[in-house]
Amino acid sequence: PHGGSYVAGNRISHFVASLVRLPGRILRVTS
């Protein structure tokens, strides 16, 4: 998906993505 995936852009995919637990070093960065 060089231009992105239309499935990744839907609400369900974003809801599932919200359940992802990022690793500690990434959480520190996002924080």
All heavy atoms as atom14 arrays in JSON, in Angstrom:
{
  "sequence": "PHGGSYVAGNRISHFVASLVRLPGRILRVTS",
  "atom14_mask": [
    [1, 1, 1, 1, 1, 1, 1, 0, 0, 0, 0, 0, 0, 0],
    [1, 1, 1, 1, 1, 1, 1, 1, 1, 1, 0, 0, 0, 0],
    [1, 1, 1, 1, 0, 0, 0, 0, 0, 0, 0, 0, 0, 0],
    [1, 1, 1, 1, 0, 0, 0, 0, 0, 0, 0, 0, 0, 0],
    [1, 1, 1, 1, 1, 1, 0, 0, 0, 0, 0, 0, 0, 0],
    [1, 1, 1, 1, 1, 1, 1, 1, 1, 1, 1, 1, 0, 0],
    [1, 1, 1, 1, 1, 1, 1, 0, 0, 0, 0, 0, 0, 0],
    [1, 1, 1, 1, 1, 0, 0, 0, 0, 0, 0, 0, 0, 0],
    [1, 1, 1, 1, 0, 0, 0, 0, 0, 0, 0, 0, 0, 0],
    [1, 1, 1, 1, 1, 1, 1, 1, 0, 0, 0, 0, 0, 0],
    [1, 1, 1, 1, 1, 1, 1, 1, 1, 1, 1, 0, 0, 0],
    [1, 1, 1, 1, 1, 1, 1, 1, 0, 0, 0, 0, 0, 0],
    [1, 1, 1, 1, 1, 1, 0, 0, 0, 0, 0, 0, 0, 0],
    [1, 1, 1, 1, 1, 1, 1, 1, 1, 1, 0, 0, 0, 0],
    [1, 1, 1, 1, 1, 1, 1, 1, 1, 1, 1, 0, 0, 0],
    [1, 1, 1, 1, 1, 1, 1, 0, 0, 0, 0, 0, 0, 0],
    [1, 1, 1, 1, 1, 0, 0, 0, 0, 0, 0, 0, 0, 0],
    [1, 1, 1, 1, 1, 1, 0, 0, 0, 0, 0, 0, 0, 0],
    [1, 1, 1, 1, 1, 1, 1, 1, 0, 0, 0, 0, 0, 0],
    [1, 1, 1, 1, 1, 1, 1, 0, 0, 0, 0, 0, 0, 0],
    [1, 1, 1, 1, 1, 1, 1, 1, 1, 1, 1, 0, 0, 0],
    [1, 1, 1, 1, 1, 1, 1, 1, 0, 0, 0, 0, 0, 0],
    [1, 1, 1, 1, 1, 1, 1, 0, 0, 0, 0, 0, 0, 0],
    [1, 1, 1, 1, 0, 0, 0, 0, 0, 0, 0, 0, 0, 0],
    [1, 1, 1, 1, 1, 1, 1, 1, 1, 1, 1, 0, 0, 0],
    [1, 1, 1, 1, 1, 1, 1, 1, 0, 0, 0, 0, 0, 0],
    [1, 1, 1, 1, 1, 1, 1, 1, 0, 0, 0, 0, 0, 0],
    [1, 1, 1, 1, 1, 1, 1, 1, 1, 1, 1, 0, 0, 0],
    [1, 1, 1, 1, 1, 1, 1, 0, 0, 0, 0, 0, 0, 0],
    [1, 1, 1, 1, 1, 1, 1, 0, 0, 0, 0, 0, 0, 0],
    [1, 1, 1, 1, 1, 1, 0, 0, 0, 0, 0, 0, 0, 0]
  ],
  "atom14_positions": [
    [[0.83, -1.22, 0.0], [0.0, 0.0, 0.0], [0.86, 1.27, 0.0], [0.88, 2.01, 0.99], [-0.8, -0.13, 1.29], [0.12, -0.88, 2.22], [0.89, -1.83, 1.34], [0.0, 0.0, 0.0], [0.0, 0.0, 0.0], [0.0, 0.0, 0.0], [0.0, 0.0, 0.0], [0.0, 0.0, 0.0], [0.0, 0.0, 0.0], [0.0, 0.0, 0.0]],
    [[1.54, 1.53, -1.1], [2.37, 2.73, -1.16], [1.55, 3.99, -0.91], [2.05, 4.97, -0.35], [3.06, 2.82, -2.52], [4.04, 1.72, -2.79], [5.24, 1.64, -2.14], [3.97, 0.66, -3.63], [5.9, 0.57, -2.57], [5.14, -0.05, -3.47], [0.0, 0.0, 0.0], [0.0, 0.0, 0.0], [0.0, 0.0, 0.0], [0.0, 0.0, 0.0]],
    [[0.29, 3.97, -1.33], [-0.59, 5.11, -1.11], [-1.56, 4.89, 0.02], [-2.54, 5.62, 0.17], [0.0, 0.0, 0.0], [0.0, 0.0, 0.0], [0.0, 0.0, 0.0], [0.0, 0.0, 0.0], [0.0, 0.0, 0.0], [0.0, 0.0, 0.0], [0.0, 0.0, 0.0], [0.0, 0.0, 0.0], [0.0, 0.0, 0.0], [0.0, 0.0, 0.0]],
    [[-1.32, 3.86, 0.82], [-2.2, 3.55, 1.93], [-3.21, 2.48, 1.58], [-3.46, 2.17, 0.42], [0.0, 0.0, 0.0], [0.0, 0.0, 0.0], [0.0, 0.0, 0.0], [0.0, 0.0, 0.0], [0.0, 0.0, 0.0], [0.0, 0.0, 0.0], [0.0, 0.0, 0.0], [0.0, 0.0, 0.0], [0.0, 0.0, 0.0], [0.0, 0.0, 0.0]],
    [[-3.83, 1.91, 2.62], [-4.85, 0.88, 2.44], [-6.2, 1.41, 2.85], [-6.35, 1.98, 3.95], [-4.51, -0.35, 3.3], [-5.61, -1.2, 3.45], [0.0, 0.0, 0.0], [0.0, 0.0, 0.0], [0.0, 0.0, 0.0], [0.0, 0.0, 0.0], [0.0, 0.0, 0.0], [0.0, 0.0, 0.0], [0.0, 0.0, 0.0], [0.0, 0.0, 0.0]],
    [[-7.2, 1.24, 1.98], [-8.53, 1.75, 2.32], [-9.12, 1.0, 3.51], [-9.97, 1.54, 4.23], [-9.46, 1.69, 1.11], [-9.8, 0.31, 0.6], [-10.89, -0.4, 1.12], [-9.06, -0.28, -0.42], [-11.22, -1.65, 0.64], [-9.39, -1.53, -0.9], [-10.46, -2.22, -0.38], [-10.78, -3.46, -0.85], [0.0, 0.0, 0.0], [0.0, 0.0, 0.0]],
    [[-8.65, -0.23, 3.75], [-9.12, -0.96, 4.93], [-8.55, -0.34, 6.2], [-9.23, -0.22, 7.22], [-8.73, -2.45, 4.82], [-9.01, -3.18, 6.13], [-9.48, -3.12, 3.69], [0.0, 0.0, 0.0], [0.0, 0.0, 0.0], [0.0, 0.0, 0.0], [0.0, 0.0, 0.0], [0.0, 0.0, 0.0], [0.0, 0.0, 0.0], [0.0, 0.0, 0.0]],
    [[-7.27, 0.08, 6.13], [-6.65, 0.71, 7.3], [-7.35, 2.01, 7.68], [-7.29, 2.44, 8.84], [-5.17, 0.98, 7.02], [0.0, 0.0, 0.0], [0.0, 0.0, 0.0], [0.0, 0.0, 0.0], [0.0, 0.0, 0.0], [0.0, 0.0, 0.0], [0.0, 0.0, 0.0], [0.0, 0.0, 0.0], [0.0, 0.0, 0.0], [0.0, 0.0, 0.0]],
    [[-8.0, 2.63, 6.71], [-8.63, 3.91, 6.98], [-10.02, 3.84, 7.57], [-10.59, 4.88, 7.94], [0.0, 0.0, 0.0], [0.0, 0.0, 0.0], [0.0, 0.0, 0.0], [0.0, 0.0, 0.0], [0.0, 0.0, 0.0], [0.0, 0.0, 0.0], [0.0, 0.0, 0.0], [0.0, 0.0, 0.0], [0.0, 0.0, 0.0], [0.0, 0.0, 0.0]],
    [[-10.6, 2.64, 7.72], [-11.98, 2.6, 8.24], [-12.01, 2.6, 9.77], [-11.0, 2.39, 10.44], [-12.76, 1.41, 7.66], [-12.18, 0.06, 8.09], [-11.79, -0.12, 9.23], [-12.15, -0.88, 7.16], [0.0, 0.0, 0.0], [0.0, 0.0, 0.0], [0.0, 0.0, 0.0], [0.0, 0.0, 0.0], [0.0, 0.0, 0.0], [0.0, 0.0, 0.0]],
    [[-13.18, 2.83, 10.32], [-13.32, 2.99, 11.77], [-13.0, 1.72, 12.54], [-12.41, 1.77, 13.63], [-14.75, 3.44, 12.1], [-15.08, 4.85, 11.62], [-16.48, 5.22, 12.04], [-16.8, 6.6, 11.64], [-17.97, 7.18, 11.89], [-18.93, 6.51, 12.53], [-18.18, 8.43, 11.5], [0.0, 0.0, 0.0], [0.0, 0.0, 0.0], [0.0, 0.0, 0.0]],
    [[-13.41, 0.61, 11.97], [-13.15, -0.66, 12.67], [-11.65, -0.89, 12.82], [-11.16, -1.28, 13.88], [-13.81, -1.83, 11.91], [-15.33, -1.68, 11.93], [-13.39, -3.16, 12.51], [-16.07, -2.74, 11.14], [0.0, 0.0, 0.0], [0.0, 0.0, 0.0], [0.0, 0.0, 0.0], [0.0, 0.0, 0.0], [0.0, 0.0, 0.0], [0.0, 0.0, 0.0]],
    [[-10.9, -0.64, 11.73], [-9.45, -0.82, 11.79], [-8.83, 0.12, 12.81], [-7.91, -0.27, 13.55], [-8.84, -0.58, 10.4], [-9.28, -1.55, 9.48], [0.0, 0.0, 0.0], [0.0, 0.0, 0.0], [0.0, 0.0, 0.0], [0.0, 0.0, 0.0], [0.0, 0.0, 0.0], [0.0, 0.0, 0.0], [0.0, 0.0, 0.0], [0.0, 0.0, 0.0]],
    [[-9.31, 1.34, 12.88], [-8.77, 2.28, 13.86], [-9.12, 1.86, 15.29], [-8.32, 2.05, 16.22], [-9.27, 3.69, 13.56], [-8.48, 4.37, 12.5], [-8.08, 5.68, 12.57], [-8.01, 3.91, 11.31], [-7.39, 6.01, 11.5], [-7.35, 4.94, 10.71], [0.0, 0.0, 0.0], [0.0, 0.0, 0.0], [0.0, 0.0, 0.0], [0.0, 0.0, 0.0]],
    [[-10.3, 1.27, 15.46], [-10.66, 0.76, 16.79], [-9.72, -0.38, 17.19], [-9.21, -0.4, 18.31], [-12.11, 0.27, 16.81], [-12.46, -0.47, 18.07], [-12.63, 0.21, 19.27], [-12.58, -1.86, 18.05], [-12.93, -0.49, 20.44], [-12.89, -2.56, 19.22], [-13.06, -1.87, 20.41], [0.0, 0.0, 0.0], [0.0, 0.0, 0.0], [0.0, 0.0, 0.0]],
    [[-9.5, -1.32, 16.26], [-8.59, -2.43, 16.55], [-7.19, -1.89, 16.83], [-6.5, -2.35, 17.75], [-8.57, -3.43, 15.38], [-7.5, -4.49, 15.61], [-9.93, -4.09, 15.21], [0.0, 0.0, 0.0], [0.0, 0.0, 0.0], [0.0, 0.0, 0.0], [0.0, 0.0, 0.0], [0.0, 0.0, 0.0], [0.0, 0.0, 0.0], [0.0, 0.0, 0.0]],
    [[-6.77, -0.89, 16.04], [-5.44, -0.31, 16.23], [-5.31, 0.33, 17.61], [-4.22, 0.37, 18.19], [-5.17, 0.72, 15.14], [0.0, 0.0, 0.0], [0.0, 0.0, 0.0], [0.0, 0.0, 0.0], [0.0, 0.0, 0.0], [0.0, 0.0, 0.0], [0.0, 0.0, 0.0], [0.0, 0.0, 0.0], [0.0, 0.0, 0.0], [0.0, 0.0, 0.0]],
    [[-6.42, 0.81, 18.16], [-6.37, 1.44, 19.49], [-6.08, 0.42, 20.59], [-5.72, 0.8, 21.71], [-7.69, 2.16, 19.78], [-8.75, 1.23, 19.97], [0.0, 0.0, 0.0], [0.0, 0.0, 0.0], [0.0, 0.0, 0.0], [0.0, 0.0, 0.0], [0.0, 0.0, 0.0], [0.0, 0.0, 0.0], [0.0, 0.0, 0.0], [0.0, 0.0, 0.0]],
    [[-6.25, -0.86, 20.28], [-6.0, -1.92, 21.26], [-4.54, -2.35, 21.3], [-4.14, -3.11, 22.19], [-6.87, -3.15, 20.94], [-8.39, -2.91, 20.86], [-9.09, -4.2, 20.48], [-8.92, -2.38, 22.19], [0.0, 0.0, 0.0], [0.0, 0.0, 0.0], [0.0, 0.0, 0.0], [0.0, 0.0, 0.0], [0.0, 0.0, 0.0], [0.0, 0.0, 0.0]],
    [[-3.76, -1.89, 20.34], [-2.35, -2.28, 20.27], [-1.59, -1.72, 21.47], [-1.68, -0.52, 21.78], [-1.7, -1.78, 18.95], [-0.2, -2.03, 18.96], [-2.36, -2.47, 17.76], [0.0, 0.0, 0.0], [0.0, 0.0, 0.0], [0.0, 0.0, 0.0], [0.0, 0.0, 0.0], [0.0, 0.0, 0.0], [0.0, 0.0, 0.0], [0.0, 0.0, 0.0]],
    [[-0.83, -2.59, 22.12], [0.03, -2.15, 23.22], [1.45, -1.94, 22.69], [2.16, -2.9, 22.39], [0.04, -3.2, 24.33], [-1.28, -3.31, 25.09], [-1.18, -4.33, 26.19], [-1.01, -5.69, 25.65], [-0.66, -6.75, 26.39], [-0.42, -6.6, 27.68], [-0.56, -7.93, 25.83], [0.0, 0.0, 0.0], [0.0, 0.0, 0.0], [0.0, 0.0, 0.0]],
    [[1.84, -0.7, 22.56], [3.15, -0.37, 22.03], [4.23, -0.74, 23.04], [4.0, -0.72, 24.25], [3.23, 1.11, 21.68], [2.26, 1.6, 20.61], [2.37, 3.11, 20.43], [2.52, 0.9, 19.28], [0.0, 0.0, 0.0], [0.0, 0.0, 0.0], [0.0, 0.0, 0.0], [0.0, 0.0, 0.0], [0.0, 0.0, 0.0], [0.0, 0.0, 0.0]],
    [[5.43, -1.08, 22.55], [6.52, -1.42, 23.47], [6.94, -0.22, 24.31], [6.67, 0.94, 23.95], [7.64, -1.87, 22.53], [7.34, -1.22, 21.23], [5.85, -1.14, 21.15], [0.0, 0.0, 0.0], [0.0, 0.0, 0.0], [0.0, 0.0, 0.0], [0.0, 0.0, 0.0], [0.0, 0.0, 0.0], [0.0, 0.0, 0.0], [0.0, 0.0, 0.0]],
    [[7.62, -0.51, 25.41], [7.97, 0.54, 26.37], [8.74, 1.69, 25.76], [8.43, 2.87, 26.02], [0.0, 0.0, 0.0], [0.0, 0.0, 0.0], [0.0, 0.0, 0.0], [0.0, 0.0, 0.0], [0.0, 0.0, 0.0], [0.0, 0.0, 0.0], [0.0, 0.0, 0.0], [0.0, 0.0, 0.0], [0.0, 0.0, 0.0], [0.0, 0.0, 0.0]],
    [[9.72, 1.4, 24.9], [10.54, 2.48, 24.35], [9.71, 3.38, 23.42], [9.96, 4.58, 23.32], [11.75, 1.91, 23.62], [11.45, 1.05, 22.42], [12.69, 0.34, 21.88], [13.79, 1.27, 21.6], [14.76, 0.99, 20.75], [14.76, -0.18, 20.09], [15.73, 1.84, 20.55], [0.0, 0.0, 0.0], [0.0, 0.0, 0.0], [0.0, 0.0, 0.0]],
    [[8.72, 2.79, 22.72], [7.85, 3.6, 21.86], [6.87, 4.41, 22.7], [6.57, 5.57, 22.39], [7.1, 2.72, 20.85], [8.09, 2.0, 19.94], [6.13, 3.54, 20.02], [8.96, 2.92, 19.12], [0.0, 0.0, 0.0], [0.0, 0.0, 0.0], [0.0, 0.0, 0.0], [0.0, 0.0, 0.0], [0.0, 0.0, 0.0], [0.0, 0.0, 0.0]],
    [[6.39, 3.84, 23.79], [5.49, 4.58, 24.68], [6.19, 5.8, 25.27], [5.59, 6.87, 25.44], [4.98, 3.67, 25.79], [3.93, 2.62, 25.39], [3.61, 1.71, 26.56], [2.66, 3.32, 24.89], [0.0, 0.0, 0.0], [0.0, 0.0, 0.0], [0.0, 0.0, 0.0], [0.0, 0.0, 0.0], [0.0, 0.0, 0.0], [0.0, 0.0, 0.0]],
    [[7.47, 5.64, 25.6], [8.22, 6.78, 26.12], [8.33, 7.88, 25.07], [8.21, 9.08, 25.37], [9.61, 6.34, 26.58], [9.6, 5.53, 27.87], [11.0, 5.37, 28.42], [11.86, 4.57, 27.54], [11.94, 3.25, 27.59], [11.21, 2.57, 28.47], [12.74, 2.59, 26.77], [0.0, 0.0, 0.0], [0.0, 0.0, 0.0], [0.0, 0.0, 0.0]],
    [[8.56, 7.45, 23.8], [8.65, 8.43, 22.72], [7.32, 9.15, 22.53], [7.27, 10.38, 22.42], [9.09, 7.73, 21.41], [8.97, 8.7, 20.23], [10.52, 7.23, 21.54], [0.0, 0.0, 0.0], [0.0, 0.0, 0.0], [0.0, 0.0, 0.0], [0.0, 0.0, 0.0], [0.0, 0.0, 0.0], [0.0, 0.0, 0.0], [0.0, 0.0, 0.0]],
    [[6.22, 8.38, 22.45], [4.91, 9.01, 22.22], [4.52, 9.9, 23.39], [3.84, 10.93, 23.21], [3.83, 7.93, 21.99], [3.77, 7.05, 23.13], [4.14, 7.12, 20.75], [0.0, 0.0, 0.0], [0.0, 0.0, 0.0], [0.0, 0.0, 0.0], [0.0, 0.0, 0.0], [0.0, 0.0, 0.0], [0.0, 0.0, 0.0], [0.0, 0.0, 0.0]],
    [[4.95, 9.5, 24.59], [4.65, 10.32, 25.76], [5.36, 11.67, 25.66], [4.76, 12.73, 25.95], [5.08, 9.59, 27.03], [4.9, 10.43, 28.17], [0.0, 0.0, 0.0], [0.0, 0.0, 0.0], [0.0, 0.0, 0.0], [0.0, 0.0, 0.0], [0.0, 0.0, 0.0], [0.0, 0.0, 0.0], [0.0, 0.0, 0.0], [0.0, 0.0, 0.0]]
  ]
}
